[in-house]
């Protein structure tokens, strides 16, 4: 597993027609909604009355903004004008409070990595999209993944990859071959699929997703490749958020950690526990014989804490202990 930190969760980029107060207000509303979806992991925030109320006053949630020029055009009052890029920095605490007040989850910056094996058939031919591909397909996937806060990986398509899996095997959904070829990348999740145009205005895709060691399938059609690729990222982001994002419940967990052999180990372990998204407070109960016992105040369920720790590979779960809601770990440093 190679969970990756996602930067700029609380930054929104929005195209606006000019730098007027009216365009700032419109852009800020769009930016706030963008950030709420990214941080919560769900598009359901759009239907919330609490979020709707917040969108009427977006300035309460961002701390700074700036403008820059772009090479894009916008239609404003029936006229094509050069677009300005409005960048807004939203306050993480304010966003978290808003989401929790609406009973939405909060998804931290350490997110599961997603490896994409996509076989495409177009005018160029049939091929697998690799890391070095610079065409529109990769761009659509990356742009939507950035909007949803998903770290995407693409295969190198070097000799090792070509020996492990072929374009025909990706196209034919030979999932055991895909999974074996993915091992070198150690992803947390996998998308495998095929994409082609079967008429001038119809794209067709068949997708398989590996989430928590289980494959799921999805077929889709759309008018454009951009639409179909955006939808697959949205679908996967929603599913992963269900797995990893924290709900609004609160609780306590006891943590027993072995191999804490020095004060440096303790300091690093303590700082790590405090950095975990589910943890609101941590308290050292005892430290002796290379064993540290903590009490953690958490948001979300205990299983979500376990999954969050698994992403980092700094602690190894020895066994969950049912008595006292205690978990037993080995500190790997």
C-alpha atoms as a PDB file:
ATOM      1  CA  UNK A   1       0.000   0.000   0.000  1.00  0.00           C
ATOM      2  CA  UNK A   2       1.298   3.472  -0.828  1.00  0.00           C
ATOM      3  CA  UNK A   3      -1.276   5.956   0.389  1.00  0.00           C
ATOM      4  CA  UNK A   4      -0.289   9.412  -0.792  1.00  0.00           C
ATOM      5  CA  UNK A   5      -0.757  12.832   0.780  1.00  0.00           C
ATOM      6  CA  UNK A   6      -3.015  15.051  -1.321  1.00  0.00           C
ATOM      7  CA  UNK A   7      -1.999  18.692  -1.311  1.00  0.00           C
ATOM      8  CA  UNK A   8      -4.288  21.685  -1.724  1.00  0.00           C
ATOM      9  CA  UNK A   9      -7.458  19.997  -0.450  1.00  0.00           C
ATOM     10  CA  UNK A  10      -8.685  23.412   0.680  1.00  0.00           C
ATOM     11  CA  UNK A  11      -7.714  25.389  -2.426  1.00  0.00           C
ATOM     12  CA  UNK A  12     -10.231  25.980  -5.216  1.00  0.00           C
ATOM     13  CA  UNK A  13      -9.513  27.235  -8.727  1.00  0.00           C
ATOM     14  CA  UNK A  14     -12.443  28.785 -10.593  1.00  0.00           C
ATOM     15  CA  UNK A  15     -12.630  30.606 -13.937  1.00  0.00           C
ATOM     16  CA  UNK A  16     -14.308  34.025 -13.768  1.00  0.00           C
ATOM     17  CA  UNK A  17     -14.999  36.741 -16.329  1.00  0.00           C
ATOM     18  CA  UNK A  18     -13.387  39.599 -14.430  1.00  0.00           C
ATOM     19  CA  UNK A  19     -12.291  40.766 -10.965  1.00  0.00           C
ATOM     20  CA  UNK A  20     -15.571  42.403  -9.982  1.00  0.00           C
ATOM     21  CA  UNK A  21     -17.328  41.781  -6.650  1.00  0.00           C
ATOM     22  CA  UNK A  22     -20.151  39.998  -8.475  1.00  0.00           C
ATOM     23  CA  UNK A  23     -17.766  37.570 -10.195  1.00  0.00           C
ATOM     24  CA  UNK A  24     -15.869  37.045  -6.919  1.00  0.00           C
ATOM     25  CA  UNK A  25     -19.110  36.071  -5.183  1.00  0.00           C
ATOM     26  CA  UNK A  26     -20.060  33.646  -7.973  1.00  0.00           C
ATOM     27  CA  UNK A  27     -16.572  32.149  -8.071  1.00  0.00           C
ATOM     28  CA  UNK A  28     -16.394  31.821  -4.295  1.00  0.00           C
ATOM     29  CA  UNK A  29     -19.663  29.893  -4.221  1.00  0.00           C
ATOM     30  CA  UNK A  30     -18.409  27.499  -6.883  1.00  0.00           C
ATOM     31  CA  UNK A  31     -15.069  27.175  -5.076  1.00  0.00           C
ATOM     32  CA  UNK A  32     -16.685  26.463  -1.714  1.00  0.00           C
ATOM     33  CA  UNK A  33     -18.796  23.698  -3.215  1.00  0.00           C
ATOM     34  CA  UNK A  34     -15.712  22.293  -4.949  1.00  0.00           C
ATOM     35  CA  UNK A  35     -13.829  22.095  -1.647  1.00  0.00           C
ATOM     36  CA  UNK A  36     -16.782  20.660   0.290  1.00  0.00           C
ATOM     37  CA  UNK A  37     -17.123  17.808  -2.206  1.00  0.00           C
ATOM     38  CA  UNK A  38     -13.376  17.150  -2.183  1.00  0.00           C
ATOM     39  CA  UNK A  39     -13.034  17.151   1.613  1.00  0.00           C
ATOM     40  CA  UNK A  40     -16.216  15.201   2.361  1.00  0.00           C
ATOM     41  CA  UNK A  41     -15.688  12.757  -0.493  1.00  0.00           C
ATOM     42  CA  UNK A  42     -19.353  12.917  -1.475  1.00  0.00           C
ATOM     43  CA  UNK A  43     -21.410  14.913  -3.960  1.00  0.00           C
ATOM     44  CA  UNK A  44     -24.391  14.637  -1.615  1.00  0.00           C
ATOM     45  CA  UNK A  45     -23.321  17.909   0.012  1.00  0.00           C
ATOM     46  CA  UNK A  46     -24.980  19.693  -2.933  1.00  0.00           C
ATOM     47  CA  UNK A  47     -28.422  18.637  -1.643  1.00  0.00           C
ATOM     48  CA  UNK A  48     -27.847  19.843   1.943  1.00  0.00           C
ATOM     49  CA  UNK A  49     -29.838  22.819   3.218  1.00  0.00           C
ATOM     50  CA  UNK A  50     -26.961  23.634   5.598  1.00  0.00           C
ATOM     51  CA  UNK A  51     -24.524  23.772   2.682  1.00  0.00           C
ATOM     52  CA  UNK A  52     -27.021  25.813   0.636  1.00  0.00           C
ATOM     53  CA  UNK A  53     -27.128  28.373   3.449  1.00  0.00           C
ATOM     54  CA  UNK A  54     -23.311  28.496   3.612  1.00  0.00           C
ATOM     55  CA  UNK A  55     -23.086  29.024  -0.152  1.00  0.00           C
ATOM     56  CA  UNK A  56     -24.991  32.291   0.281  1.00  0.00           C
ATOM     57  CA  UNK A  57     -22.075  33.613   2.361  1.00  0.00           C
ATOM     58  CA  UNK A  58     -18.905  31.936   1.023  1.00  0.00           C
ATOM     59  CA  UNK A  59     -16.613  34.723   2.286  1.00  0.00           C
ATOM     60  CA  UNK A  60     -17.046  33.312   5.810  1.00  0.00           C
ATOM     61  CA  UNK A  61     -15.063  30.246   4.751  1.00  0.00           C
ATOM     62  CA  UNK A  62     -12.069  31.490   2.768  1.00  0.00           C
ATOM     63  CA  UNK A  63      -9.055  33.365   4.111  1.00  0.00           C
ATOM     64  CA  UNK A  64      -7.477  34.723   0.937  1.00  0.00           C
ATOM     65  CA  UNK A  65      -7.822  34.817  -2.823  1.00  0.00           C
ATOM     66  CA  UNK A  66      -5.850  35.855  -5.881  1.00  0.00           C
ATOM     67  CA  UNK A  67      -6.228  36.203  -9.642  1.00  0.00           C
ATOM     68  CA  UNK A  68      -4.082  35.142 -12.577  1.00  0.00           C
ATOM     69  CA  UNK A  69      -4.454  35.249 -16.355  1.00  0.00           C
ATOM     70  CA  UNK A  70      -5.361  32.237 -18.517  1.00  0.00           C
ATOM     71  CA  UNK A  71      -5.543  31.376 -22.200  1.00  0.00           C
ATOM     72  CA  UNK A  72      -9.215  30.379 -21.881  1.00  0.00           C
ATOM     73  CA  UNK A  73     -12.344  32.278 -22.899  1.00  0.00           C
ATOM     74  CA  UNK A  74     -15.683  32.714 -21.133  1.00  0.00           C
ATOM     75  CA  UNK A  75     -19.009  33.970 -22.439  1.00  0.00           C
ATOM     76  CA  UNK A  76     -20.061  36.901 -20.223  1.00  0.00           C
ATOM     77  CA  UNK A  77     -23.160  38.956 -21.041  1.00  0.00           C
ATOM     78  CA  UNK A  78     -23.190  37.385 -24.494  1.00  0.00           C
ATOM     79  CA  UNK A  79     -19.589  38.390 -25.227  1.00  0.00           C
ATOM     80  CA  UNK A  80     -16.497  36.171 -25.328  1.00  0.00           C
ATOM     81  CA  UNK A  81     -13.927  37.495 -22.830  1.00  0.00           C
ATOM     82  CA  UNK A  82     -10.531  36.271 -21.574  1.00  0.00           C
ATOM     83  CA  UNK A  83     -11.063  34.211 -18.425  1.00  0.00           C
ATOM     84  CA  UNK A  84      -9.335  35.034 -15.161  1.00  0.00           C
ATOM     85  CA  UNK A  85      -8.376  32.238 -12.772  1.00  0.00           C
ATOM     86  CA  UNK A  86      -9.651  32.895  -9.267  1.00  0.00           C
ATOM     87  CA  UNK A  87      -7.781  30.901  -6.606  1.00  0.00           C
ATOM     88  CA  UNK A  88      -9.315  30.745  -3.132  1.00  0.00           C
ATOM     89  CA  UNK A  89      -7.753  29.377   0.056  1.00  0.00           C
ATOM     90  CA  UNK A  90     -10.446  28.008   2.367  1.00  0.00           C
ATOM     91  CA  UNK A  91     -10.024  27.621   6.124  1.00  0.00           C
ATOM     92  CA  UNK A  92      -9.757  23.905   7.055  1.00  0.00           C
ATOM     93  CA  UNK A  93     -11.340  24.355  10.489  1.00  0.00           C
ATOM     94  CA  UNK A  94     -14.304  26.276   9.095  1.00  0.00           C
ATOM     95  CA  UNK A  95     -14.831  23.679   6.361  1.00  0.00           C
ATOM     96  CA  UNK A  96     -14.670  20.816   8.869  1.00  0.00           C
ATOM     97  CA  UNK A  97     -17.165  22.521  11.180  1.00  0.00           C
ATOM     98  CA  UNK A  98     -19.545  23.121   8.290  1.00  0.00           C
ATOM     99  CA  UNK A  99     -19.368  19.504   7.132  1.00  0.00           C
ATOM    100  CA  UNK A 100     -19.860  18.130  10.619  1.00  0.00           C
ATOM    101  CA  UNK A 101     -22.794  20.430  11.245  1.00  0.00           C
ATOM    102  CA  UNK A 102     -24.404  18.840   8.180  1.00  0.00           C
ATOM    103  CA  UNK A 103     -23.437  15.351   9.439  1.00  0.00           C
ATOM    104  CA  UNK A 104     -21.087  14.831   6.519  1.00  0.00           C
ATOM    105  CA  UNK A 105     -17.773  12.974   6.763  1.00  0.00           C
ATOM    106  CA  UNK A 106     -14.359  14.650   6.712  1.00  0.00           C
ATOM    107  CA  UNK A 107     -11.715  12.922   4.599  1.00  0.00           C
ATOM    108  CA  UNK A 108      -8.116  13.689   5.504  1.00  0.00           C
ATOM    109  CA  UNK A 109      -5.247  14.435   3.125  1.00  0.00           C
ATOM    110  CA  UNK A 110      -3.662  10.971   3.353  1.00  0.00           C
ATOM    111  CA  UNK A 111      -5.664   9.164   0.673  1.00  0.00           C
ATOM    112  CA  UNK A 112      -5.573   5.763  -1.024  1.00  0.00           C
ATOM    113  CA  UNK A 113      -3.522   5.629  -4.207  1.00  0.00           C
ATOM    114  CA  UNK A 114      -5.315   4.538  -7.380  1.00  0.00           C
ATOM    115  CA  UNK A 115      -3.534   2.771 -10.245  1.00  0.00           C
ATOM    116  CA  UNK A 116      -5.175   3.170 -13.673  1.00  0.00           C
ATOM    117  CA  UNK A 117      -4.933   0.463 -16.341  1.00  0.00           C
ATOM    118  CA  UNK A 118      -6.962   1.820 -19.256  1.00  0.00           C
ATOM    119  CA  UNK A 119      -6.976   0.368 -22.769  1.00  0.00           C
ATOM    120  CA  UNK A 120      -8.198   2.926 -25.303  1.00  0.00           C
ATOM    121  CA  UNK A 121      -9.212   2.403 -28.927  1.00  0.00           C
ATOM    122  CA  UNK A 122      -9.280   5.561 -31.072  1.00  0.00           C
ATOM    123  CA  UNK A 123      -7.869   6.932 -34.326  1.00  0.00           C
ATOM    124  CA  UNK A 124      -4.330   6.347 -33.027  1.00  0.00           C
ATOM    125  CA  UNK A 125      -5.031   2.649 -32.420  1.00  0.00           C
ATOM    126  CA  UNK A 126      -5.525   0.425 -29.393  1.00  0.00           C
ATOM    127  CA  UNK A 127      -3.112   1.022 -26.547  1.00  0.00           C
ATOM    128  CA  UNK A 128      -2.709   1.236 -22.761  1.00  0.00           C
ATOM    129  CA  UNK A 129      -2.459   4.712 -21.272  1.00  0.00           C
ATOM    130  CA  UNK A 130       0.866   5.109 -19.519  1.00  0.00           C
ATOM    131  CA  UNK A 131       2.559   7.629 -17.268  1.00  0.00           C
ATOM    132  CA  UNK A 132       4.203   9.401 -20.213  1.00  0.00           C
ATOM    133  CA  UNK A 133       0.939   9.838 -22.169  1.00  0.00           C
ATOM    134  CA  UNK A 134       0.101  13.515 -22.630  1.00  0.00           C
ATOM    135  CA  UNK A 135      -3.205  13.268 -24.478  1.00  0.00           C
ATOM    136  CA  UNK A 136      -6.722  14.269 -23.492  1.00  0.00           C
ATOM    137  CA  UNK A 137      -7.620  10.960 -21.838  1.00  0.00           C
ATOM    138  CA  UNK A 138      -4.952  11.275 -19.143  1.00  0.00           C
ATOM    139  CA  UNK A 139      -5.753  14.963 -18.761  1.00  0.00           C
ATOM    140  CA  UNK A 140      -9.463  14.320 -18.174  1.00  0.00           C
ATOM    141  CA  UNK A 141      -8.668  11.633 -15.586  1.00  0.00           C
ATOM    142  CA  UNK A 142      -6.071  13.744 -13.778  1.00  0.00           C
ATOM    143  CA  UNK A 143      -8.198  16.914 -13.778  1.00  0.00           C
ATOM    144  CA  UNK A 144     -11.187  15.114 -12.275  1.00  0.00           C
ATOM    145  CA  UNK A 145      -9.000  13.250  -9.784  1.00  0.00           C
ATOM    146  CA  UNK A 146      -7.584  16.590  -8.639  1.00  0.00           C
ATOM    147  CA  UNK A 147     -11.122  17.923  -8.164  1.00  0.00           C
ATOM    148  CA  UNK A 148     -12.023  14.905  -6.039  1.00  0.00           C
ATOM    149  CA  UNK A 149      -8.700  14.666  -4.203  1.00  0.00           C
ATOM    150  CA  UNK A 150      -7.642  11.253  -5.513  1.00  0.00           C
ATOM    151  CA  UNK A 151      -3.947  10.491  -6.133  1.00  0.00           C
ATOM    152  CA  UNK A 152      -3.741   8.688  -9.508  1.00  0.00           C
ATOM    153  CA  UNK A 153      -0.907   6.486 -10.711  1.00  0.00           C
ATOM    154  CA  UNK A 154      -0.355   5.339 -14.290  1.00  0.00           C
ATOM    155  CA  UNK A 155       1.831   2.378 -15.294  1.00  0.00           C
ATOM    156  CA  UNK A 156       5.314   3.006 -16.644  1.00  0.00           C
ATOM    157  CA  UNK A 157       4.665   0.620 -19.561  1.00  0.00           C
ATOM    158  CA  UNK A 158       8.292  -0.486 -19.482  1.00  0.00           C
ATOM    159  CA  UNK A 159       9.583  -3.986 -20.229  1.00  0.00           C
ATOM    160  CA  UNK A 160       8.439  -5.311 -16.862  1.00  0.00           C
ATOM    161  CA  UNK A 161       4.884  -4.086 -17.476  1.00  0.00           C
ATOM    162  CA  UNK A 162       4.775  -5.413 -21.040  1.00  0.00           C
ATOM    163  CA  UNK A 163       5.823  -8.859 -19.806  1.00  0.00           C
ATOM    164  CA  UNK A 164       3.258  -8.781 -16.988  1.00  0.00           C
ATOM    165  CA  UNK A 165       0.120  -7.749 -18.897  1.00  0.00           C
ATOM    166  CA  UNK A 166      -0.854  -7.009 -22.496  1.00  0.00           C
ATOM    167  CA  UNK A 167      -3.225  -4.525 -24.085  1.00  0.00           C
ATOM    168  CA  UNK A 168      -5.489  -7.447 -25.046  1.00  0.00           C
ATOM    169  CA  UNK A 169      -5.621  -8.600 -21.415  1.00  0.00           C
ATOM    170  CA  UNK A 170      -6.569  -5.122 -20.216  1.00  0.00           C
ATOM    171  CA  UNK A 171      -9.182  -4.915 -22.988  1.00  0.00           C
ATOM    172  CA  UNK A 172     -10.556  -8.347 -22.106  1.00  0.00           C
ATOM    173  CA  UNK A 173     -10.647  -7.685 -18.338  1.00  0.00           C
ATOM    174  CA  UNK A 174      -8.266 -10.482 -17.344  1.00  0.00           C
ATOM    175  CA  UNK A 175      -8.306  -9.166 -13.792  1.00  0.00           C
ATOM    176  CA  UNK A 176      -5.916 -11.696 -12.255  1.00  0.00           C
ATOM    177  CA  UNK A 177      -3.270 -10.562 -14.754  1.00  0.00           C
ATOM    178  CA  UNK A 178      -4.038  -6.909 -14.034  1.00  0.00           C
ATOM    179  CA  UNK A 179      -3.745  -7.489 -10.311  1.00  0.00           C
ATOM    180  CA  UNK A 180      -0.440  -9.336 -10.678  1.00  0.00           C
ATOM    181  CA  UNK A 181       0.986  -6.578 -12.903  1.00  0.00           C
ATOM    182  CA  UNK A 182      -0.046  -3.977 -10.315  1.00  0.00           C
ATOM    183  CA  UNK A 183       1.944  -5.483  -7.452  1.00  0.00           C
ATOM    184  CA  UNK A 184       5.111  -3.534  -8.265  1.00  0.00           C
ATOM    185  CA  UNK A 185       3.190  -0.257  -7.782  1.00  0.00           C
ATOM    186  CA  UNK A 186       1.578  -1.319  -4.483  1.00  0.00           C
ATOM    187  CA  UNK A 187      -1.625   0.692  -5.040  1.00  0.00           C
ATOM    188  CA  UNK A 188      -4.481   0.851  -2.543  1.00  0.00           C
ATOM    189  CA  UNK A 189      -7.041   0.600  -5.351  1.00  0.00           C
ATOM    190  CA  UNK A 190      -7.058  -0.246  -9.063  1.00  0.00           C
ATOM    191  CA  UNK A 191      -9.161   0.906 -12.025  1.00  0.00           C
ATOM    192  CA  UNK A 192      -9.005  -1.340 -15.078  1.00  0.00           C
ATOM    193  CA  UNK A 193     -11.085  -0.686 -18.156  1.00  0.00           C
ATOM    194  CA  UNK A 194     -11.548  -0.261 -21.886  1.00  0.00           C
ATOM    195  CA  UNK A 195     -12.768   2.848 -23.683  1.00  0.00           C
ATOM    196  CA  UNK A 196     -13.808   3.270 -27.320  1.00  0.00           C
ATOM    197  CA  UNK A 197     -16.104   5.262 -29.602  1.00  0.00           C
ATOM    198  CA  UNK A 198     -18.789   3.132 -31.265  1.00  0.00           C
ATOM    199  CA  UNK A 199     -20.412   6.029 -33.172  1.00  0.00           C
ATOM    200  CA  UNK A 200     -19.565   9.707 -33.832  1.00  0.00           C
ATOM    201  CA  UNK A 201     -21.384  10.863 -30.691  1.00  0.00           C
ATOM    202  CA  UNK A 202     -21.172   7.864 -28.360  1.00  0.00           C
ATOM    203  CA  UNK A 203     -18.337   6.627 -26.147  1.00  0.00           C
ATOM    204  CA  UNK A 204     -18.532   3.256 -24.421  1.00  0.00           C
ATOM    205  CA  UNK A 205     -16.561   2.066 -21.388  1.00  0.00           C
ATOM    206  CA  UNK A 206     -16.394  -1.060 -19.261  1.00  0.00           C
ATOM    207  CA  UNK A 207     -14.759  -0.651 -15.864  1.00  0.00           C
ATOM    208  CA  UNK A 208     -13.495  -2.898 -13.085  1.00  0.00           C
ATOM    209  CA  UNK A 209     -12.503  -1.530  -9.676  1.00  0.00           C
ATOM    210  CA  UNK A 210     -10.423  -3.240  -6.993  1.00  0.00           C
ATOM    211  CA  UNK A 211     -11.379  -1.912  -3.551  1.00  0.00           C
ATOM    212  CA  UNK A 212     -10.374  -3.725  -0.375  1.00  0.00           C
ATOM    213  CA  UNK A 213      -9.384  -6.897  -2.295  1.00  0.00           C
ATOM    214  CA  UNK A 214     -12.726  -7.150  -4.104  1.00  0.00           C
ATOM    215  CA  UNK A 215     -13.452  -6.426  -7.773  1.00  0.00           C
ATOM    216  CA  UNK A 216     -16.537  -4.469  -8.855  1.00  0.00           C
ATOM    217  CA  UNK A 217     -17.705  -3.808 -12.425  1.00  0.00           C
ATOM    218  CA  UNK A 218     -19.471  -0.934 -14.164  1.00  0.00           C
ATOM    219  CA  UNK A 219     -20.509  -0.277 -17.777  1.00  0.00           C
ATOM    220  CA  UNK A 220     -21.121   3.266 -19.005  1.00  0.00           C
ATOM    221  CA  UNK A 221     -21.894   5.274 -22.151  1.00  0.00           C
ATOM    222  CA  UNK A 222     -21.598   9.019 -22.774  1.00  0.00           C
ATOM    223  CA  UNK A 223     -21.512  11.624 -25.532  1.00  0.00           C
ATOM    224  CA  UNK A 224     -17.865  12.557 -24.862  1.00  0.00           C
ATOM    225  CA  UNK A 225     -14.766  10.839 -23.509  1.00  0.00           C
ATOM    226  CA  UNK A 226     -14.398  13.630 -20.951  1.00  0.00           C
ATOM    227  CA  UNK A 227     -17.847  12.926 -19.507  1.00  0.00           C
ATOM    228  CA  UNK A 228     -17.281   9.186 -19.234  1.00  0.00           C
ATOM    229  CA  UNK A 229     -13.840   9.600 -17.630  1.00  0.00           C
ATOM    230  CA  UNK A 230     -15.109  12.180 -15.154  1.00  0.00           C
ATOM    231  CA  UNK A 231     -17.902   9.832 -14.120  1.00  0.00           C
ATOM    232  CA  UNK A 232     -15.591   6.909 -13.428  1.00  0.00           C
ATOM    233  CA  UNK A 233     -13.437   9.070 -11.145  1.00  0.00           C
ATOM    234  CA  UNK A 234     -16.536  10.354  -9.351  1.00  0.00           C
ATOM    235  CA  UNK A 235     -17.791   6.808  -8.876  1.00  0.00           C
ATOM    236  CA  UNK A 236     -14.493   5.594  -7.434  1.00  0.00           C
ATOM    237  CA  UNK A 237     -14.079   8.674  -5.217  1.00  0.00           C
ATOM    238  CA  UNK A 238     -17.547   8.109  -3.758  1.00  0.00           C
ATOM    239  CA  UNK A 239     -16.762   4.452  -3.033  1.00  0.00           C
ATOM    240  CA  UNK A 240     -13.379   5.174  -1.445  1.00  0.00           C
ATOM    241  CA  UNK A 241     -14.847   7.964   0.663  1.00  0.00           C
ATOM    242  CA  UNK A 242     -17.415   5.508   2.003  1.00  0.00           C
ATOM    243  CA  UNK A 243     -14.487   3.366   3.087  1.00  0.00           C
ATOM    244  CA  UNK A 244     -12.077   5.967   4.457  1.00  0.00           C
ATOM    245  CA  UNK A 245     -13.861   9.260   5.199  1.00  0.00           C
ATOM    246  CA  UNK A 246     -14.839   9.860   8.815  1.00  0.00           C
ATOM    247  CA  UNK A 247     -18.442  10.152   9.847  1.00  0.00           C
ATOM    248  CA  UNK A 248     -19.601  12.548  12.571  1.00  0.00           C
ATOM    249  CA  UNK A 249     -19.689  10.013  15.429  1.00  0.00           C
ATOM    250  CA  UNK A 250     -17.192  10.237  18.302  1.00  0.00           C
ATOM    251  CA  UNK A 251     -15.624   7.655  20.561  1.00  0.00           C
ATOM    252  CA  UNK A 252     -12.595   6.455  22.516  1.00  0.00           C
ATOM    253  CA  UNK A 253     -10.020   3.811  21.625  1.00  0.00           C
ATOM    254  CA  UNK A 254      -7.230   2.312  23.718  1.00  0.00           C
ATOM    255  CA  UNK A 255      -3.996   1.730  21.823  1.00  0.00           C
ATOM    256  CA  UNK A 256      -1.223  -0.590  23.009  1.00  0.00           C
ATOM    257  CA  UNK A 257       2.001  -0.067  21.015  1.00  0.00           C
ATOM    258  CA  UNK A 258       5.050  -2.344  21.290  1.00  0.00           C
ATOM    259  CA  UNK A 259       8.674  -1.578  20.299  1.00  0.00           C
ATOM    260  CA  UNK A 260       8.689   1.973  21.689  1.00  0.00           C
ATOM    261  CA  UNK A 261      12.329   1.640  22.708  1.00  0.00           C
ATOM    262  CA  UNK A 262      13.414   5.223  23.324  1.00  0.00           C
ATOM    263  CA  UNK A 263      12.203   8.725  24.061  1.00  0.00           C
ATOM    264  CA  UNK A 264      12.702   9.492  20.387  1.00  0.00           C
ATOM    265  CA  UNK A 265      10.410   6.594  19.470  1.00  0.00           C
ATOM    266  CA  UNK A 266       7.811   7.892  21.908  1.00  0.00           C
ATOM    267  CA  UNK A 267       8.041  11.450  20.579  1.00  0.00           C
ATOM    268  CA  UNK A 268       7.697  10.301  16.962  1.00  0.00           C
ATOM    269  CA  UNK A 269       4.832   7.940  17.803  1.00  0.00           C
ATOM    270  CA  UNK A 270       2.995  10.599  19.790  1.00  0.00           C
ATOM    271  CA  UNK A 271       3.357  13.138  16.965  1.00  0.00           C
ATOM    272  CA  UNK A 272       2.165  10.551  14.450  1.00  0.00           C
ATOM    273  CA  UNK A 273      -0.958   9.704  16.454  1.00  0.00           C
ATOM    274  CA  UNK A 274      -1.801  13.395  16.808  1.00  0.00           C
ATOM    275  CA  UNK A 275      -1.486  13.809  13.026  1.00  0.00           C
ATOM    276  CA  UNK A 276      -4.088  11.153  12.201  1.00  0.00           C
ATOM    277  CA  UNK A 277      -7.288  12.646  10.824  1.00  0.00           C
ATOM    278  CA  UNK A 278      -9.624  10.574  13.073  1.00  0.00           C
ATOM    279  CA  UNK A 279      -7.741  11.529  16.256  1.00  0.00           C
ATOM    280  CA  UNK A 280      -8.925  14.655  18.070  1.00  0.00           C
ATOM    281  CA  UNK A 281      -6.862  14.050  21.255  1.00  0.00           C
ATOM    282  CA  UNK A 282      -4.326  11.500  22.426  1.00  0.00           C
ATOM    283  CA  UNK A 283      -3.313  10.774  26.032  1.00  0.00           C
ATOM    284  CA  UNK A 284      -0.377   8.671  27.217  1.00  0.00           C
ATOM    285  CA  UNK A 285      -1.588   6.286  29.917  1.00  0.00           C
ATOM    286  CA  UNK A 286       1.701   4.464  30.571  1.00  0.00           C
ATOM    287  CA  UNK A 287       5.164   3.931  29.085  1.00  0.00           C
ATOM    288  CA  UNK A 288       7.276   1.022  30.325  1.00  0.00           C
ATOM    289  CA  UNK A 289       9.234  -1.964  29.016  1.00  0.00           C
ATOM    290  CA  UNK A 290       9.071  -0.694  25.407  1.00  0.00           C
ATOM    291  CA  UNK A 291       5.267  -0.598  25.577  1.00  0.00           C
ATOM    292  CA  UNK A 292       3.186   2.564  25.344  1.00  0.00           C
ATOM    293  CA  UNK A 293      -0.499   2.675  26.178  1.00  0.00           C
ATOM    294  CA  UNK A 294      -2.608   5.514  24.788  1.00  0.00           C
ATOM    295  CA  UNK A 295      -6.182   6.641  24.970  1.00  0.00           C
ATOM    296  CA  UNK A 296      -7.364   8.230  21.728  1.00  0.00           C
ATOM    297  CA  UNK A 297     -10.433  10.401  21.278  1.00  0.00           C
ATOM    298  CA  UNK A 298     -11.592   9.806  17.711  1.00  0.00           C
ATOM    299  CA  UNK A 299     -14.179  10.908  15.195  1.00  0.00           C
ATOM    300  CA  UNK A 300     -15.726   8.160  13.091  1.00  0.00           C
ATOM    301  CA  UNK A 301     -15.662   4.426  13.691  1.00  0.00           C
ATOM    302  CA  UNK A 302     -12.822   2.330  15.102  1.00  0.00           C
ATOM    303  CA  UNK A 303     -12.514   0.434  11.785  1.00  0.00           C
ATOM    304  CA  UNK A 304     -11.896   3.734   9.992  1.00  0.00           C
ATOM    305  CA  UNK A 305      -9.025   4.479  12.387  1.00  0.00           C
ATOM    306  CA  UNK A 306      -7.548   1.054  11.617  1.00  0.00           C
ATOM    307  CA  UNK A 307      -7.850   1.672   7.864  1.00  0.00           C
ATOM    308  CA  UNK A 308      -6.256   5.118   8.171  1.00  0.00           C
ATOM    309  CA  UNK A 309      -3.282   3.651  10.062  1.00  0.00           C
ATOM    310  CA  UNK A 310      -2.938   0.854   7.485  1.00  0.00           C
ATOM    311  CA  UNK A 311      -2.445   3.432   4.740  1.00  0.00           C
ATOM    312  CA  UNK A 312       0.705   4.806   6.412  1.00  0.00           C
ATOM    313  CA  UNK A 313       2.502   1.544   7.273  1.00  0.00           C
ATOM    314  CA  UNK A 314       4.100   3.059  10.383  1.00  0.00           C
ATOM    315  CA  UNK A 315       2.192   0.786  12.760  1.00  0.00           C
ATOM    316  CA  UNK A 316       1.500  -2.921  12.233  1.00  0.00           C
ATOM    317  CA  UNK A 317      -1.712  -4.276  13.720  1.00  0.00           C
ATOM    318  CA  UNK A 318      -0.883  -7.306  15.859  1.00  0.00           C
ATOM    319  CA  UNK A 319      -4.467  -8.101  16.774  1.00  0.00           C
ATOM    320  CA  UNK A 320      -7.604  -6.178  17.717  1.00  0.00           C
ATOM    321  CA  UNK A 321      -8.543  -6.756  21.352  1.00  0.00           C
ATOM    322  CA  UNK A 322     -12.245  -6.702  22.111  1.00  0.00           C
ATOM    323  CA  UNK A 323     -11.984  -5.870  25.803  1.00  0.00           C
ATOM    324  CA  UNK A 324     -11.940  -2.152  26.481  1.00  0.00           C
ATOM    325  CA  UNK A 325     -12.051  -1.330  22.766  1.00  0.00           C
ATOM    326  CA  UNK A 326      -8.265  -1.773  22.644  1.00  0.00           C
ATOM    327  CA  UNK A 327      -6.001  -2.187  19.619  1.00  0.00           C
ATOM    328  CA  UNK A 328      -2.572  -3.788  19.751  1.00  0.00           C
ATOM    329  CA  UNK A 329       0.159  -2.452  17.402  1.00  0.00           C
ATOM    330  CA  UNK A 330       3.884  -2.763  16.701  1.00  0.00           C
ATOM    331  CA  UNK A 331       5.752   0.515  16.048  1.00  0.00           C
ATOM    332  CA  UNK A 332       7.678   0.170  12.777  1.00  0.00           C
ATOM    333  CA  UNK A 333       9.157   3.681  12.624  1.00  0.00           C
END
